[in-house]
C-alpha cells in the first residue's frame, strides 16, 4: 500500500533523492535564481512558488497535478485548497458519468488510455449489446 507524504517538503525530498538531477540542475531547469532555493524547498524552509510547479514537476518527473495540489495546500491550507479543488471538479451530480470514468480508471490501473478509433468502436459495440 502506498503511503502519502505528510508534507510537500517530504514529497520533494523523496523525488530529489531519486532524481537524475542535482539540486543545481533542478534549479536551472526551473529557472530558479539560486540553486539554494531548491534545497530550501526540499528542507521545508521555503514554499514552492506556484509559478514554478510546472517546471519543477517536469524536472522531478512527477505529477504536475499532485505537486500543484500539495503546493496550494501548503500556501493556503486545507479549507481553501479544498474549495479550489471543488470548483474544478467535474459536476458531482452526474453520478452515471463519474461511475463510467471510475470504471475506466479501474480497468486501466488508474490511467485512462487515449481513446483510439479501435477503442471507440469496441465501446460502441459493447453499448449496443448491453442495451
C-alpha atoms as a PDB file:
ATOM      1  CA  UNK A   1       0.000   0.000   0.000  1.00  0.00           C
ATOM      2  CA  UNK A   2       1.339   3.420  -0.985  1.00  0.00           C
ATOM      3  CA  UNK A   3       1.732   5.896   1.868  1.00  0.00           C
ATOM      4  CA  UNK A   4       1.158   9.576   1.155  1.00  0.00           C
ATOM      5  CA  UNK A   5       3.872  12.057   2.108  1.00  0.00           C
ATOM      6  CA  UNK A   6       3.000  14.172   5.145  1.00  0.00           C
ATOM      7  CA  UNK A   7       4.265  17.387   3.558  1.00  0.00           C
ATOM      8  CA  UNK A   8       5.337  18.860   0.263  1.00  0.00           C
ATOM      9  CA  UNK A   9       8.895  19.053   1.624  1.00  0.00           C
ATOM     10  CA  UNK A  10       8.855  15.307   2.311  1.00  0.00           C
ATOM     11  CA  UNK A  11       7.500  14.684  -1.202  1.00  0.00           C
ATOM     12  CA  UNK A  12      10.197  16.864  -2.778  1.00  0.00           C
ATOM     13  CA  UNK A  13      12.919  15.264  -0.663  1.00  0.00           C
ATOM     14  CA  UNK A  14      11.896  11.815  -1.881  1.00  0.00           C
ATOM     15  CA  UNK A  15      11.784  12.961  -5.512  1.00  0.00           C
ATOM     16  CA  UNK A  16      15.134  14.733  -5.223  1.00  0.00           C
ATOM     17  CA  UNK A  17      16.839  11.607  -3.875  1.00  0.00           C
ATOM     18  CA  UNK A  18      15.545   9.542  -6.785  1.00  0.00           C
ATOM     19  CA  UNK A  19      16.134  12.244  -9.410  1.00  0.00           C
ATOM     20  CA  UNK A  20      18.853  12.019 -12.029  1.00  0.00           C
ATOM     21  CA  UNK A  21      19.486  15.746 -11.496  1.00  0.00           C
ATOM     22  CA  UNK A  22      21.334  17.558  -8.732  1.00  0.00           C
ATOM     23  CA  UNK A  23      19.718  20.480  -6.902  1.00  0.00           C
ATOM     24  CA  UNK A  24      21.717  22.884  -9.057  1.00  0.00           C
ATOM     25  CA  UNK A  25      20.487  21.190 -12.243  1.00  0.00           C
ATOM     26  CA  UNK A  26      16.900  21.208 -10.990  1.00  0.00           C
ATOM     27  CA  UNK A  27      17.263  24.921 -10.238  1.00  0.00           C
ATOM     28  CA  UNK A  28      18.457  25.521 -13.806  1.00  0.00           C
ATOM     29  CA  UNK A  29      15.552  23.530 -15.248  1.00  0.00           C
ATOM     30  CA  UNK A  30      13.119  25.559 -13.129  1.00  0.00           C
ATOM     31  CA  UNK A  31      14.756  28.916 -13.902  1.00  0.00           C
ATOM     32  CA  UNK A  32      15.355  29.446 -10.196  1.00  0.00           C
ATOM     33  CA  UNK A  33      17.579  32.415  -9.445  1.00  0.00           C
ATOM     34  CA  UNK A  34      19.578  30.466  -6.859  1.00  0.00           C
ATOM     35  CA  UNK A  35      20.220  26.711  -6.541  1.00  0.00           C
ATOM     36  CA  UNK A  36      19.754  27.133  -2.799  1.00  0.00           C
ATOM     37  CA  UNK A  37      16.040  27.774  -3.433  1.00  0.00           C
ATOM     38  CA  UNK A  38      15.533  24.132  -4.353  1.00  0.00           C
ATOM     39  CA  UNK A  39      17.345  22.955  -1.224  1.00  0.00           C
ATOM     40  CA  UNK A  40      15.230  25.303   0.899  1.00  0.00           C
ATOM     41  CA  UNK A  41      12.030  23.876  -0.633  1.00  0.00           C
ATOM     42  CA  UNK A  42      13.228  20.312  -0.030  1.00  0.00           C
ATOM     43  CA  UNK A  43      14.038  21.167   3.589  1.00  0.00           C
ATOM     44  CA  UNK A  44      10.674  22.900   4.080  1.00  0.00           C
ATOM     45  CA  UNK A  45      12.204  26.326   4.751  1.00  0.00           C
ATOM     46  CA  UNK A  46      10.639  27.846   1.615  1.00  0.00           C
ATOM     47  CA  UNK A  47       7.288  27.314  -0.074  1.00  0.00           C
ATOM     48  CA  UNK A  48       7.180  26.167  -3.666  1.00  0.00           C
ATOM     49  CA  UNK A  49       6.254  29.164  -5.826  1.00  0.00           C
ATOM     50  CA  UNK A  50       3.047  28.286  -7.666  1.00  0.00           C
ATOM     51  CA  UNK A  51       4.546  29.589 -10.899  1.00  0.00           C
ATOM     52  CA  UNK A  52       7.374  27.072 -10.569  1.00  0.00           C
ATOM     53  CA  UNK A  53       5.216  23.968 -10.115  1.00  0.00           C
ATOM     54  CA  UNK A  54       5.045  23.013 -13.814  1.00  0.00           C
ATOM     55  CA  UNK A  55       8.806  23.233 -14.360  1.00  0.00           C
ATOM     56  CA  UNK A  56       9.577  21.574 -11.022  1.00  0.00           C
ATOM     57  CA  UNK A  57       7.239  18.671 -11.757  1.00  0.00           C
ATOM     58  CA  UNK A  58       8.885  18.181 -15.148  1.00  0.00           C
ATOM     59  CA  UNK A  59      12.382  18.327 -13.632  1.00  0.00           C
ATOM     60  CA  UNK A  60      11.468  15.837 -10.898  1.00  0.00           C
ATOM     61  CA  UNK A  61       9.399  13.626 -13.208  1.00  0.00           C
ATOM     62  CA  UNK A  62       6.285  13.737 -11.048  1.00  0.00           C
ATOM     63  CA  UNK A  63       2.621  14.559 -11.463  1.00  0.00           C
ATOM     64  CA  UNK A  64       2.115  18.278 -12.016  1.00  0.00           C
ATOM     65  CA  UNK A  65      -1.402  17.915 -10.695  1.00  0.00           C
ATOM     66  CA  UNK A  66      -0.280  16.257  -7.454  1.00  0.00           C
ATOM     67  CA  UNK A  67       2.514  18.774  -6.908  1.00  0.00           C
ATOM     68  CA  UNK A  68       0.167  21.714  -7.541  1.00  0.00           C
ATOM     69  CA  UNK A  69      -2.393  20.309  -5.099  1.00  0.00           C
ATOM     70  CA  UNK A  70       0.297  19.975  -2.438  1.00  0.00           C
ATOM     71  CA  UNK A  71       1.661  23.468  -3.141  1.00  0.00           C
ATOM     72  CA  UNK A  72      -1.826  25.003  -2.916  1.00  0.00           C
ATOM     73  CA  UNK A  73      -2.405  23.193   0.379  1.00  0.00           C
ATOM     74  CA  UNK A  74       0.952  24.458   1.648  1.00  0.00           C
ATOM     75  CA  UNK A  75       0.192  28.061   0.654  1.00  0.00           C
ATOM     76  CA  UNK A  76      -3.490  28.317   1.545  1.00  0.00           C
ATOM     77  CA  UNK A  77      -4.312  25.476   3.931  1.00  0.00           C
ATOM     78  CA  UNK A  78      -6.825  22.664   3.688  1.00  0.00           C
ATOM     79  CA  UNK A  79     -10.037  24.676   3.579  1.00  0.00           C
ATOM     80  CA  UNK A  80      -9.133  26.982   0.699  1.00  0.00           C
ATOM     81  CA  UNK A  81      -7.378  24.269  -1.320  1.00  0.00           C
ATOM     82  CA  UNK A  82     -10.436  22.029  -0.920  1.00  0.00           C
ATOM     83  CA  UNK A  83     -12.645  24.889  -2.176  1.00  0.00           C
ATOM     84  CA  UNK A  84     -10.384  25.343  -5.206  1.00  0.00           C
ATOM     85  CA  UNK A  85     -10.474  21.600  -5.934  1.00  0.00           C
ATOM     86  CA  UNK A  86     -14.275  21.601  -5.636  1.00  0.00           C
ATOM     87  CA  UNK A  87     -14.525  24.411  -8.193  1.00  0.00           C
ATOM     88  CA  UNK A  88     -12.546  22.444 -10.766  1.00  0.00           C
ATOM     89  CA  UNK A  89     -14.057  19.030 -10.100  1.00  0.00           C
ATOM     90  CA  UNK A  90     -16.453  17.527 -12.625  1.00  0.00           C
ATOM     91  CA  UNK A  91     -20.115  18.023 -11.890  1.00  0.00           C
ATOM     92  CA  UNK A  92     -20.685  15.705  -8.960  1.00  0.00           C
ATOM     93  CA  UNK A  93     -24.400  15.498  -9.700  1.00  0.00           C
ATOM     94  CA  UNK A  94     -23.755  13.378 -12.798  1.00  0.00           C
ATOM     95  CA  UNK A  95     -23.148  10.113 -10.980  1.00  0.00           C
ATOM     96  CA  UNK A  96     -23.508   7.995 -14.135  1.00  0.00           C
ATOM     97  CA  UNK A  97     -20.627   9.849 -15.822  1.00  0.00           C
ATOM     98  CA  UNK A  98     -18.497   9.623 -12.699  1.00  0.00           C
ATOM     99  CA  UNK A  99     -19.185   5.881 -12.470  1.00  0.00           C
ATOM    100  CA  UNK A 100     -18.061   5.384 -16.102  1.00  0.00           C
ATOM    101  CA  UNK A 101     -14.883   7.371 -15.516  1.00  0.00           C
ATOM    102  CA  UNK A 102     -14.137   5.460 -12.318  1.00  0.00           C
ATOM    103  CA  UNK A 103     -14.692   2.149 -14.123  1.00  0.00           C
ATOM    104  CA  UNK A 104     -12.349   3.151 -16.966  1.00  0.00           C
ATOM    105  CA  UNK A 105      -9.670   4.199 -14.493  1.00  0.00           C
ATOM    106  CA  UNK A 106     -10.105   0.964 -12.582  1.00  0.00           C
ATOM    107  CA  UNK A 107      -9.793  -1.118 -15.755  1.00  0.00           C
ATOM    108  CA  UNK A 108      -6.559   0.613 -16.698  1.00  0.00           C
ATOM    109  CA  UNK A 109      -4.846   0.826 -13.289  1.00  0.00           C
ATOM    110  CA  UNK A 110      -5.675   4.478 -12.722  1.00  0.00           C
ATOM    111  CA  UNK A 111      -4.591   5.857 -16.088  1.00  0.00           C
ATOM    112  CA  UNK A 112      -7.247   6.113 -18.780  1.00  0.00           C
ATOM    113  CA  UNK A 113      -5.607   5.401 -22.149  1.00  0.00           C
ATOM    114  CA  UNK A 114      -6.072   7.517 -25.263  1.00  0.00           C
ATOM    115  CA  UNK A 115      -9.419   6.995 -26.962  1.00  0.00           C
ATOM    116  CA  UNK A 116      -8.375   5.457 -30.251  1.00  0.00           C
ATOM    117  CA  UNK A 117     -10.721   4.574 -33.101  1.00  0.00           C
ATOM    118  CA  UNK A 118     -10.469   0.902 -32.132  1.00  0.00           C
ATOM    119  CA  UNK A 119     -11.359   1.562 -28.501  1.00  0.00           C
ATOM    120  CA  UNK A 120     -14.284   3.774 -29.500  1.00  0.00           C
ATOM    121  CA  UNK A 121     -15.648   1.049 -31.804  1.00  0.00           C
ATOM    122  CA  UNK A 122     -15.369  -1.531 -29.018  1.00  0.00           C
ATOM    123  CA  UNK A 123     -17.229   0.747 -26.622  1.00  0.00           C
ATOM    124  CA  UNK A 124     -19.945   1.312 -29.228  1.00  0.00           C
ATOM    125  CA  UNK A 125     -20.308  -2.450 -29.764  1.00  0.00           C
ATOM    126  CA  UNK A 126     -20.420  -3.077 -26.041  1.00  0.00           C
ATOM    127  CA  UNK A 127     -23.036  -0.376 -25.647  1.00  0.00           C
ATOM    128  CA  UNK A 128     -25.262  -1.905 -28.360  1.00  0.00           C
ATOM    129  CA  UNK A 129     -25.082  -5.380 -26.828  1.00  0.00           C
ATOM    130  CA  UNK A 130     -25.686  -4.248 -23.265  1.00  0.00           C
ATOM    131  CA  UNK A 131     -28.882  -2.390 -24.064  1.00  0.00           C
END
